[in-house]
């Protein structure tokens, strides 16, 4: 072997040895840095532990097994957040960026089988948490991908049924994350480019009375799909009436899919915002029951325009669509029965500008088509301007032929009234605001008759029925194509909902025309 070849081999071996020594040294250095960070740099109110930190000599990777973190209040040391991770792996740390760009650049951070629990009622409020940041960041941290696999996450609160939120088999991936000394002070302490998430089970307690469940959901490229969504009152109808002190609706909602497109959210000048191009609800079935024997809720009920205007965050939904919906409303007014019902089937709706961010004169527009009481087509065109503080609105509707006896499922148990005859066509326009409304109505009807029933709701009260029908016009005109028209004004009862306001407005016009 000549001298020249020996020199080349010696140089290669020397460089290899230097590389191995440098790699091992840097890995040991990084391991020590991580251990130092975990043990010294985390705040005192964070209790941390782990079984082992291992280093891949040539991969620039670190693994932590059985890591746990417990966060407690600084003032009273009450523990409120518990995190356990079976394995945390930090892969492909860039030595070059660390040494020459003064930043920590990581290809992937993965968490396997994490379990997270947060006890909301144990946390003491602290106004300076966001401004000061959770930890001090000396070098920017850039992560190409954060992956969370098969996690369980729960939020608990102080109540008899303490679970506020629970999800299992939740997996999340976030791309192009950046954390530095400025981002950690924000309400969302990091910047990111995109995210994906999926889970096969979600439970949310939305109030002391109602729960939401989702069988499956996924978020991909800022588009979310929730499947088999339910919102249900946790009590039976009878039990709810026993536990509430004032009127409250009993809900049973089943939704095939909920789709949210082009999601965007965050904080702008300290205020939270949420945006979506389109929200779609497919095949919702909603049953609402109200027991009117329970004491009235005398709180002021804002109209929808005011509710949107006074949301505590900025909401922008360009379009909301409902497809193939069914709604049933039951109301009980008599103690001897469970009430009567009305329904809307095959309901389709298109709503634009569900928002409090646009400027006048742009309006929220609601267009609805449905079958009322099974087979009577009804169309609605409803609009209002969120920025108009008088809460002015315009509500227009067309109702096709309706057999009056279809309404008996509601009027008999609740009003002790049985109807006969038919309406051929009804048009009405309600021009209202938060105080009052004027209704223009025209209606064609024939052979209309009101039968007042006895207290048992079965037999006809002949005398009262005869007297009532003296004052009610039997037909609108001499033929089915003729209309009776009228205009009436109704004052709003602000302790009632918008639907009560619409009903008393229509009723005022009907009474003026027919009586």
Protein backbone atom coordinates (compact mmCIF):
# COMPACT_ATOMS: atom_id res chain seq x y z
CA UNK A 1 0.00 0.00 0.00
CA UNK A 2 1.61 3.27 -1.05
CA UNK A 3 1.96 6.30 1.18
CA UNK A 4 -0.59 8.35 -0.76
CA UNK A 5 -3.35 5.75 -0.24
CA UNK A 6 -2.46 5.44 3.42
CA UNK A 7 -2.85 9.21 3.85
CA UNK A 8 -6.29 9.13 2.19
CA UNK A 9 -7.47 6.27 4.39
CA UNK A 10 -6.12 7.97 7.50
CA UNK A 11 -7.84 11.22 6.56
CA UNK A 12 -11.17 9.45 5.98
CA UNK A 13 -10.92 7.58 9.28
CA UNK A 14 -9.96 10.78 11.07
CA UNK A 15 -12.92 12.69 9.57
CA UNK A 16 -15.23 9.77 10.40
CA UNK A 17 -14.02 9.71 13.97
CA UNK A 18 -14.44 13.47 14.26
CA UNK A 19 -17.98 13.22 12.83
CA UNK A 20 -18.94 10.42 15.23
CA UNK A 21 -17.43 12.23 18.20
CA UNK A 22 -19.09 15.51 17.17
CA UNK A 23 -22.47 13.82 16.62
CA UNK A 24 -22.36 11.99 19.93
CA UNK A 25 -21.18 15.15 21.68
CA UNK A 26 -23.95 17.26 20.16
CA UNK A 27 -26.57 14.62 21.04
CA UNK A 28 -25.31 14.49 24.62
CA UNK A 29 -25.32 18.28 24.65
CA UNK A 30 -28.91 18.36 23.37
CA UNK A 31 -29.98 15.69 25.86
CA UNK A 32 -28.46 17.72 28.68
CA UNK A 33 -30.16 20.84 27.36
CA UNK A 34 -33.54 19.07 27.27
CA UNK A 35 -33.09 17.69 30.77
CA UNK A 36 -32.04 21.14 31.96
CA UNK A 37 -35.08 22.70 30.29
CA UNK A 38 -37.45 20.16 31.84
CA UNK A 39 -35.93 20.37 35.28
CA UNK A 40 -35.00 24.04 35.51
CA UNK A 41 -36.75 26.18 32.92
CA UNK A 42 -40.36 25.10 33.39
CA UNK A 43 -42.25 27.27 35.89
CA UNK A 44 -42.38 26.18 39.53
CA UNK A 45 -46.11 25.47 39.31
CA UNK A 46 -45.48 22.68 36.77
CA UNK A 47 -44.65 19.25 38.19
CA UNK A 48 -42.86 17.08 35.64
CA UNK A 49 -41.54 13.54 35.53
CA UNK A 50 -40.40 10.94 33.00
CA UNK A 51 -38.83 7.49 32.94
CA UNK A 52 -36.02 8.02 30.46
CA UNK A 53 -34.62 10.30 27.77
CA UNK A 54 -32.88 8.41 24.96
CA UNK A 55 -30.82 9.82 22.09
CA UNK A 56 -30.39 8.39 18.58
CA UNK A 57 -26.69 8.90 17.91
CA UNK A 58 -26.92 9.63 14.18
CA UNK A 59 -30.57 10.56 13.67
CA UNK A 60 -30.70 13.80 15.61
CA UNK A 61 -33.66 12.40 17.56
CA UNK A 62 -34.72 12.33 21.19
CA UNK A 63 -37.36 10.18 22.89
CA UNK A 64 -38.99 10.62 26.28
CA UNK A 65 -40.98 7.71 27.72
CA UNK A 66 -43.84 7.91 30.21
CA UNK A 67 -43.68 11.68 30.49
CA UNK A 68 -46.14 13.47 32.74
CA UNK A 69 -46.87 17.09 33.51
CA UNK A 70 -49.10 18.45 36.28
CA UNK A 71 -49.96 22.16 36.39
CA UNK A 72 -51.11 23.77 39.62
CA UNK A 73 -52.14 27.24 40.75
CA UNK A 74 -49.30 29.47 41.91
CA UNK A 75 -51.28 30.89 44.82
CA UNK A 76 -52.90 27.86 46.43
CA UNK A 77 -51.01 24.98 44.72
CA UNK A 78 -54.26 23.27 43.67
CA UNK A 79 -53.61 20.90 40.75
CA UNK A 80 -55.88 21.49 37.75
CA UNK A 81 -54.21 20.07 34.61
CA UNK A 82 -52.86 16.54 34.19
CA UNK A 83 -51.00 15.34 31.08
CA UNK A 84 -49.51 11.88 30.55
CA UNK A 85 -47.73 10.81 27.35
CA UNK A 86 -46.68 7.24 26.70
CA UNK A 87 -43.94 8.35 24.32
CA UNK A 88 -42.79 11.76 23.12
CA UNK A 89 -40.38 11.69 20.18
CA UNK A 90 -38.46 14.64 18.75
CA UNK A 91 -37.08 13.70 15.33
CA UNK A 92 -34.42 15.19 13.04
CA UNK A 93 -33.13 18.15 14.99
CA UNK A 94 -31.14 20.46 12.70
CA UNK A 95 -27.66 20.91 14.18
CA UNK A 96 -26.79 23.43 11.49
CA UNK A 97 -29.70 25.73 12.35
CA UNK A 98 -28.98 25.41 16.04
CA UNK A 99 -25.27 26.32 15.66
CA UNK A 100 -25.39 28.87 12.86
CA UNK A 101 -28.95 30.30 12.72
CA UNK A 102 -29.50 30.48 16.46
CA UNK A 103 -32.84 28.65 16.23
CA UNK A 104 -34.17 25.21 17.12
CA UNK A 105 -35.46 23.53 13.97
CA UNK A 106 -37.20 20.16 14.36
CA UNK A 107 -38.68 18.03 11.61
CA UNK A 108 -41.30 16.17 13.70
CA UNK A 109 -42.60 16.02 17.24
CA UNK A 110 -44.92 13.10 17.93
CA UNK A 111 -46.94 12.23 21.02
CA UNK A 112 -48.25 8.69 21.39
CA UNK A 113 -51.37 7.90 23.45
CA UNK A 114 -51.50 11.11 25.48
CA UNK A 115 -54.15 11.47 28.21
CA UNK A 116 -55.12 15.03 29.18
CA UNK A 117 -57.51 16.15 31.92
CA UNK A 118 -58.37 19.72 32.84
CA UNK A 119 -60.41 20.69 35.93
CA UNK A 120 -61.94 24.03 35.05
CA UNK A 121 -63.33 24.86 38.50
CA UNK A 122 -59.94 24.49 40.20
CA UNK A 123 -58.23 27.24 38.20
CA UNK A 124 -57.76 30.63 39.82
CA UNK A 125 -58.27 33.54 37.42
CA UNK A 126 -55.10 35.39 36.55
CA UNK A 127 -55.15 38.45 34.32
CA UNK A 128 -51.41 38.48 33.64
CA UNK A 129 -51.03 34.87 32.43
CA UNK A 130 -51.24 35.72 28.73
CA UNK A 131 -49.08 38.84 28.88
CA UNK A 132 -46.22 37.15 30.78
CA UNK A 133 -46.32 33.87 28.84
CA UNK A 134 -46.16 30.35 30.21
CA UNK A 135 -42.40 29.86 29.70
CA UNK A 136 -39.42 31.92 28.55
CA UNK A 137 -38.23 31.21 25.00
CA UNK A 138 -34.62 32.23 24.27
CA UNK A 139 -34.34 30.75 20.77
CA UNK A 140 -37.14 30.50 18.18
CA UNK A 141 -38.53 26.98 17.86
CA UNK A 142 -39.62 25.81 14.41
CA UNK A 143 -41.42 22.46 14.04
CA UNK A 144 -42.32 21.20 10.58
CA UNK A 145 -44.94 18.79 11.92
CA UNK A 146 -46.56 18.11 15.28
CA UNK A 147 -48.44 14.79 15.49
CA UNK A 148 -50.71 13.67 18.33
CA UNK A 149 -51.90 10.07 18.01
CA UNK A 150 -54.79 8.35 19.80
CA UNK A 151 -55.30 10.86 22.58
CA UNK A 152 -57.98 11.18 25.24
CA UNK A 153 -58.97 14.65 26.36
CA UNK A 154 -61.44 15.72 29.03
CA UNK A 155 -62.56 18.95 30.70
CA UNK A 156 -64.30 18.69 34.05
CA UNK A 157 -66.25 21.22 36.10
CA UNK A 158 -67.73 21.32 39.56
CA UNK A 159 -71.22 19.85 39.27
CA UNK A 160 -73.11 16.60 39.74
CA UNK A 161 -72.37 15.57 36.14
CA UNK A 162 -68.89 17.04 36.08
CA UNK A 163 -67.80 16.16 32.52
CA UNK A 164 -67.86 19.30 30.38
CA UNK A 165 -66.11 17.84 27.33
CA UNK A 166 -64.74 14.40 26.48
CA UNK A 167 -63.22 12.93 23.35
CA UNK A 168 -61.34 9.71 22.66
CA UNK A 169 -59.18 8.41 19.82
CA UNK A 170 -58.42 12.02 18.91
CA UNK A 171 -55.54 12.49 16.48
CA UNK A 172 -54.17 15.88 15.46
CA UNK A 173 -51.49 17.03 13.01
CA UNK A 174 -50.26 20.64 12.81
CA UNK A 175 -47.83 21.86 10.14
CA UNK A 176 -45.15 24.58 10.14
CA UNK A 177 -45.28 25.66 13.77
CA UNK A 178 -43.28 28.60 15.08
CA UNK A 179 -42.89 29.53 18.74
CA UNK A 180 -40.77 32.43 19.94
CA UNK A 181 -40.59 34.95 22.77
CA UNK A 182 -43.39 37.00 21.18
CA UNK A 183 -45.87 34.25 20.29
CA UNK A 184 -45.85 32.73 23.81
CA UNK A 185 -47.36 35.96 25.11
CA UNK A 186 -50.38 35.68 22.80
CA UNK A 187 -53.71 34.01 23.55
CA UNK A 188 -52.80 31.43 20.90
CA UNK A 189 -49.10 31.01 21.81
CA UNK A 190 -47.89 29.75 18.43
CA UNK A 191 -48.12 30.34 14.71
CA UNK A 192 -49.02 27.52 12.32
CA UNK A 193 -49.85 26.99 8.66
CA UNK A 194 -52.39 24.17 8.59
CA UNK A 195 -53.92 21.51 10.81
CA UNK A 196 -55.85 18.25 10.62
CA UNK A 197 -57.82 16.40 13.25
CA UNK A 198 -60.12 13.40 13.60
CA UNK A 199 -61.94 11.60 16.38
CA UNK A 200 -64.61 8.92 16.63
CA UNK A 201 -66.38 10.18 19.74
CA UNK A 202 -67.09 13.61 21.21
CA UNK A 203 -69.28 14.64 24.14
CA UNK A 204 -69.97 18.27 25.13
CA UNK A 205 -72.18 19.55 27.94
CA UNK A 206 -73.49 22.78 26.40
CA UNK A 207 -75.64 23.75 29.40
CA UNK A 208 -76.87 22.28 32.68
CA UNK A 209 -79.76 20.80 30.67
CA UNK A 210 -78.47 19.87 27.19
CA UNK A 211 -75.66 17.68 25.87
CA UNK A 212 -74.14 17.40 22.39
CA UNK A 213 -72.61 14.21 21.03
CA UNK A 214 -70.73 13.61 17.78
CA UNK A 215 -70.11 10.08 16.54
CA UNK A 216 -67.28 11.02 14.20
CA UNK A 217 -65.55 14.18 13.04
CA UNK A 218 -62.62 15.18 10.85
CA UNK A 219 -60.92 18.43 9.89
CA UNK A 220 -58.84 18.53 6.70
CA UNK A 221 -57.50 21.65 4.98
CA UNK A 222 -59.67 23.93 7.13
CA UNK A 223 -62.84 22.01 6.25
CA UNK A 224 -64.68 20.20 9.05
CA UNK A 225 -67.17 17.34 8.82
CA UNK A 226 -69.19 16.21 11.87
CA UNK A 227 -71.30 13.07 11.45
CA UNK A 228 -74.31 11.86 13.46
CA UNK A 229 -74.61 14.89 15.69
CA UNK A 230 -77.19 14.99 18.48
CA UNK A 231 -78.32 17.71 20.85
CA UNK A 232 -80.62 16.38 23.54
CA UNK A 233 -82.09 17.49 26.82
CA UNK A 234 -80.71 15.08 29.41
CA UNK A 235 -84.05 14.91 31.27
CA UNK A 236 -87.36 13.46 30.12
CA UNK A 237 -90.13 15.94 29.32
CA UNK A 238 -91.85 15.25 32.62
CA UNK A 239 -88.64 15.43 34.65
CA UNK A 240 -87.56 18.69 33.02
CA UNK A 241 -90.79 20.36 34.13
CA UNK A 242 -90.01 19.26 37.67
CA UNK A 243 -86.43 20.56 37.83
CA UNK A 244 -86.89 23.98 36.16
CA UNK A 245 -88.43 27.00 37.84
CA UNK A 246 -89.36 28.82 34.60
CA UNK A 247 -90.29 27.70 31.08
CA UNK A 248 -87.59 26.00 29.04
CA UNK A 249 -87.73 24.06 25.78
CA UNK A 250 -87.06 20.33 25.75
CA UNK A 251 -84.85 19.49 22.73
CA UNK A 252 -84.24 16.38 20.68
CA UNK A 253 -82.09 17.14 17.64
CA UNK A 254 -80.52 14.55 15.35
CA UNK A 255 -78.31 15.73 12.52
CA UNK A 256 -76.90 13.47 9.82
CA UNK A 257 -73.96 15.72 8.95
CA UNK A 258 -72.65 19.17 9.81
CA UNK A 259 -70.17 20.58 7.32
CA UNK A 260 -68.09 23.74 7.88
CA UNK A 261 -66.00 25.01 4.96
CA UNK A 262 -62.99 27.35 4.89
CA UNK A 263 -62.63 27.70 8.66
CA UNK A 264 -60.54 30.55 9.99
CA UNK A 265 -60.20 31.68 13.58
CA UNK A 266 -57.86 33.55 15.89
CA UNK A 267 -57.44 36.88 17.61
CA UNK A 268 -57.36 40.31 16.01
CA UNK A 269 -56.33 43.14 18.33
CA UNK A 270 -57.19 40.97 21.30
CA UNK A 271 -60.70 40.04 20.07
CA UNK A 272 -61.54 36.49 19.01
CA UNK A 273 -62.93 35.97 15.49
CA UNK A 274 -64.40 32.97 13.67
CA UNK A 275 -65.07 32.70 9.94
CA UNK A 276 -66.51 30.22 7.48
CA UNK A 277 -67.50 30.39 3.83
CA UNK A 278 -70.33 27.89 4.25
CA UNK A 279 -72.01 25.89 7.00
CA UNK A 280 -74.25 23.03 5.87
CA UNK A 281 -76.72 20.93 7.87
CA UNK A 282 -78.00 17.75 6.24
CA UNK A 283 -81.20 15.97 7.32
CA UNK A 284 -81.73 17.62 10.72
CA UNK A 285 -84.68 16.27 12.71
CA UNK A 286 -85.69 18.55 15.58
CA UNK A 287 -88.41 18.02 18.17
CA UNK A 288 -89.14 20.86 20.59
CA UNK A 289 -91.49 20.55 23.54
CA UNK A 290 -92.57 23.34 25.88
CA UNK A 291 -94.63 22.93 29.03
CA UNK A 292 -96.61 26.18 29.38
CA UNK A 293 -97.82 25.09 32.82
CA UNK A 294 -94.38 25.99 34.19
CA UNK A 295 -93.98 29.63 35.26
CA UNK A 296 -93.14 32.12 32.50
CA UNK A 297 -89.54 33.15 31.99
CA UNK A 298 -89.84 36.94 32.16
CA UNK A 299 -86.34 37.72 30.92
CA UNK A 300 -86.12 39.95 27.86
CA UNK A 301 -85.71 37.85 24.70
CA UNK A 302 -83.58 39.68 22.09
CA UNK A 303 -84.39 39.39 18.40
CA UNK A 304 -81.88 37.56 16.19
CA UNK A 305 -80.35 40.79 14.87
CA UNK A 306 -79.51 41.93 18.41
CA UNK A 307 -78.21 38.48 19.37
CA UNK A 308 -75.76 38.56 16.46
CA UNK A 309 -74.82 42.19 17.03
CA UNK A 310 -73.97 41.61 20.70
CA UNK A 311 -71.96 38.40 20.35
CA UNK A 312 -68.76 38.63 22.43
CA UNK A 313 -66.67 37.77 19.33
CA UNK A 314 -66.57 38.57 15.61
CA UNK A 315 -68.55 36.02 13.58
CA UNK A 316 -68.59 35.77 9.79
CA UNK A 317 -70.53 32.97 8.08
CA UNK A 318 -71.12 33.80 4.44
CA UNK A 319 -73.72 31.09 3.86
CA UNK A 320 -75.68 28.63 5.99
CA UNK A 321 -77.76 25.93 4.31
CA UNK A 322 -80.23 23.41 5.72
CA UNK A 323 -81.26 20.43 3.58
CA UNK A 324 -84.15 17.98 4.14
CA UNK A 325 -85.02 19.13 7.65
CA UNK A 326 -88.00 18.19 9.81
CA UNK A 327 -89.26 20.22 12.78
CA UNK A 328 -91.98 19.29 15.24
CA UNK A 329 -93.11 21.72 17.93
CA UNK A 330 -95.24 20.55 20.86
CA UNK A 331 -96.81 22.79 23.45
CA UNK A 332 -98.70 21.86 26.59
CA UNK A 333 -101.19 24.33 28.06
CA UNK A 334 -103.64 22.02 29.87
CA UNK A 335 -102.81 19.76 32.81
CA UNK A 336 -105.09 16.96 31.61
CA UNK A 337 -103.01 16.18 28.49
CA UNK A 338 -99.46 16.43 27.11
CA UNK A 339 -100.35 19.14 24.60
CA UNK A 340 -100.58 19.42 20.83
CA UNK A 341 -98.15 19.81 17.97
CA UNK A 342 -97.44 21.41 14.62
CA UNK A 343 -94.76 20.35 12.15
CA UNK A 344 -92.66 21.46 9.19
CA UNK A 345 -91.36 18.72 6.89
CA UNK A 346 -88.97 18.67 3.92
CA UNK A 347 -87.54 21.95 5.14
CA UNK A 348 -84.81 23.58 3.06
CA UNK A 349 -83.25 26.89 3.98
CA UNK A 350 -80.56 29.22 2.64
CA UNK A 351 -79.25 31.94 4.95
CA UNK A 352 -76.69 34.51 3.88
CA UNK A 353 -74.55 36.79 6.08
CA UNK A 354 -74.90 35.09 9.46
CA UNK A 355 -72.52 37.70 10.74
CA UNK A 356 -71.83 40.78 12.82
CA UNK A 357 -68.94 42.00 10.66
CA UNK A 358 -70.53 43.41 7.51
CA UNK A 359 -71.67 47.02 7.04
CA UNK A 360 -75.09 48.48 6.28
CA UNK A 361 -77.04 48.32 4.05
CA UNK A 362 -76.02 44.66 3.61
CA UNK A 363 -78.50 42.36 5.36
CA UNK A 364 -78.94 38.88 6.71
CA UNK A 365 -81.35 37.06 4.38
CA UNK A 366 -83.26 33.89 5.24
CA UNK A 367 -85.15 31.93 2.60
CA UNK A 368 -87.13 28.86 3.70
CA UNK A 369 -89.27 26.33 1.85
CA UNK A 370 -91.12 23.56 3.68
CA UNK A 371 -94.35 21.58 3.96
CA UNK A 372 -96.49 22.82 6.85
CA UNK A 373 -98.59 20.17 8.62
CA UNK A 374 -97.31 17.43 6.32
CA UNK A 375 -98.41 18.61 2.85
CA UNK A 376 -99.06 22.38 2.72
CA UNK A 377 -96.20 24.17 0.91
CA UNK A 378 -94.97 27.30 2.66
CA UNK A 379 -92.21 29.71 1.58
CA UNK A 380 -90.60 32.39 3.73
CA UNK A 381 -88.39 35.37 2.87
CA UNK A 382 -87.01 37.04 6.01
CA UNK A 383 -84.41 39.80 6.22
CA UNK A 384 -82.86 42.16 8.79
CA UNK A 385 -79.85 44.42 9.21
CA UNK A 386 -77.66 43.49 12.19
CA UNK A 387 -76.38 47.06 12.42
CA UNK A 388 -79.87 48.55 12.74
CA UNK A 389 -80.33 49.04 16.49
CA UNK A 390 -84.12 49.27 16.16
CA UNK A 391 -83.92 45.60 15.05
CA UNK A 392 -86.12 46.29 12.04
CA UNK A 393 -87.05 43.20 10.01
CA UNK A 394 -89.24 42.18 7.08
CA UNK A 395 -90.94 38.77 7.12
CA UNK A 396 -92.83 37.61 4.02
CA UNK A 397 -94.60 34.27 3.59
CA UNK A 398 -96.84 32.41 1.14
CA UNK A 399 -98.94 29.49 2.36
CA UNK A 400 -100.75 27.15 -0.04
CA UNK A 401 -104.00 25.28 0.57
CA UNK A 402 -104.45 24.01 4.12
CA UNK A 403 -107.24 21.86 5.47
CA UNK A 404 -108.24 23.52 8.74
CA UNK A 405 -108.60 20.18 10.53
CA UNK A 406 -104.83 19.68 10.12
CA UNK A 407 -104.41 22.25 12.88
CA UNK A 408 -106.63 20.34 15.27
CA UNK A 409 -103.66 18.34 16.59
CA UNK A 410 -102.58 21.63 18.16
CA UNK A 411 -105.80 23.54 18.77
CA UNK A 412 -107.85 20.73 20.34
CA UNK A 413 -105.57 19.82 23.29
CA UNK A 414 -104.31 23.38 23.85
CA UNK A 415 -107.25 25.65 22.97
CA UNK A 416 -110.22 23.29 23.18
CA UNK A 417 -111.11 24.41 19.64
CA UNK A 418 -111.81 22.22 16.61
CA UNK A 419 -111.57 23.80 13.14
CA UNK A 420 -113.36 22.93 9.91
CA UNK A 421 -113.05 24.13 6.30
CA UNK A 422 -109.93 25.16 4.41
CA UNK A 423 -107.70 28.05 3.48
CA UNK A 424 -106.95 28.14 -0.23
CA UNK A 425 -104.07 30.60 -0.26
CA UNK A 426 -102.53 32.98 2.27
CA UNK A 427 -100.03 35.82 1.78
CA UNK A 428 -98.68 38.02 4.53
CA UNK A 429 -95.93 40.56 5.12
CA UNK A 430 -94.82 41.55 8.63
CA UNK A 431 -92.87 44.81 8.84
CA UNK A 432 -91.59 45.05 12.38
CA UNK A 433 -88.91 46.07 14.85
CA UNK A 434 -88.14 45.44 18.52
CA UNK A 435 -91.30 47.27 19.62
CA UNK A 436 -94.17 46.56 17.22
CA UNK A 437 -95.11 45.21 13.80
CA UNK A 438 -97.60 45.97 11.04
CA UNK A 439 -98.99 42.98 9.14
CA UNK A 440 -100.56 43.08 5.69
CA UNK A 441 -102.46 39.83 5.07
CA UNK A 442 -104.71 38.51 2.35
CA UNK A 443 -106.38 35.14 2.49
CA UNK A 444 -108.75 33.00 0.47
CA UNK A 445 -110.76 30.48 2.49
CA UNK A 446 -113.99 28.53 2.32
CA UNK A 447 -116.47 26.75 4.63
CA UNK A 448 -114.53 27.92 7.66
CA UNK A 449 -116.04 27.01 11.01
CA UNK A 450 -114.90 27.11 14.65
CA UNK A 451 -116.23 24.54 17.12
CA UNK A 452 -115.72 25.35 20.78
CA UNK A 453 -115.32 22.14 22.82
CA UNK A 454 -116.36 21.20 26.32
CA UNK A 455 -113.75 21.19 29.09
CA UNK A 456 -113.01 17.52 28.46
CA UNK A 457 -111.93 18.46 24.92
CA UNK A 458 -114.23 15.85 23.35
CA UNK A 459 -117.82 17.07 23.01
CA UNK A 460 -118.84 20.21 21.14
CA UNK A 461 -120.15 23.15 23.16
CA UNK A 462 -123.10 23.89 20.90
CA UNK A 463 -124.07 27.26 22.34
CA UNK A 464 -120.60 28.85 22.39
CA UNK A 465 -119.82 27.43 18.94
CA UNK A 466 -122.98 28.93 17.47
CA UNK A 467 -122.28 32.33 19.02
CA UNK A 468 -118.64 32.31 17.82
CA UNK A 469 -119.55 31.46 14.23
CA UNK A 470 -122.01 34.33 14.08
CA UNK A 471 -118.98 36.65 14.12
CA UNK A 472 -116.74 34.61 11.79
CA UNK A 473 -117.02 34.94 8.03
CA UNK A 474 -117.59 31.49 6.57
CA UNK A 475 -115.97 32.30 3.20
CA UNK A 476 -113.52 34.94 2.01
CA UNK A 477 -115.72 35.79 -1.04
CA UNK A 478 -118.18 34.10 -3.36
CA UNK A 479 -115.50 31.95 -5.02
CA UNK A 480 -112.27 30.19 -4.01
CA UNK A 481 -110.04 32.57 -5.98
CA UNK A 482 -111.18 35.71 -4.16
CA UNK A 483 -109.33 37.15 -1.19
CA UNK A 484 -110.11 39.10 1.92
CA UNK A 485 -107.41 41.60 2.84
CA UNK A 486 -106.54 43.51 5.97
CA UNK A 487 -103.83 45.30 7.92
CA UNK A 488 -103.27 45.12 11.67
CA UNK A 489 -100.69 46.22 14.22
CA UNK A 490 -99.38 44.18 17.15
CA UNK A 491 -97.12 45.21 20.02
CA UNK A 492 -94.29 42.90 20.96
CA UNK A 493 -94.11 41.15 24.32
CA UNK A 494 -90.35 41.33 24.88
CA UNK A 495 -90.43 38.43 27.32
CA UNK A 496 -91.52 36.16 24.44
CA UNK A 497 -89.55 34.83 21.49
CA UNK A 498 -89.54 36.14 17.91
CA UNK A 499 -91.91 33.31 16.93
CA UNK A 500 -94.47 34.49 19.47
CA UNK A 501 -94.14 37.97 17.93
CA UNK A 502 -94.73 36.60 14.43
CA UNK A 503 -97.74 34.60 15.61
CA UNK A 504 -99.51 37.49 17.41
CA UNK A 505 -98.90 39.68 14.35
CA UNK A 506 -100.54 37.14 12.04
CA UNK A 507 -103.35 36.54 14.51
CA UNK A 508 -104.14 40.27 14.75
CA UNK A 509 -104.53 40.45 10.98
CA UNK A 510 -106.62 37.24 10.80
CA UNK A 511 -108.99 38.46 13.48
CA UNK A 512 -109.48 41.76 11.69
CA UNK A 513 -110.22 40.02 8.37
CA UNK A 514 -112.34 37.07 9.49
CA UNK A 515 -114.30 38.44 12.44
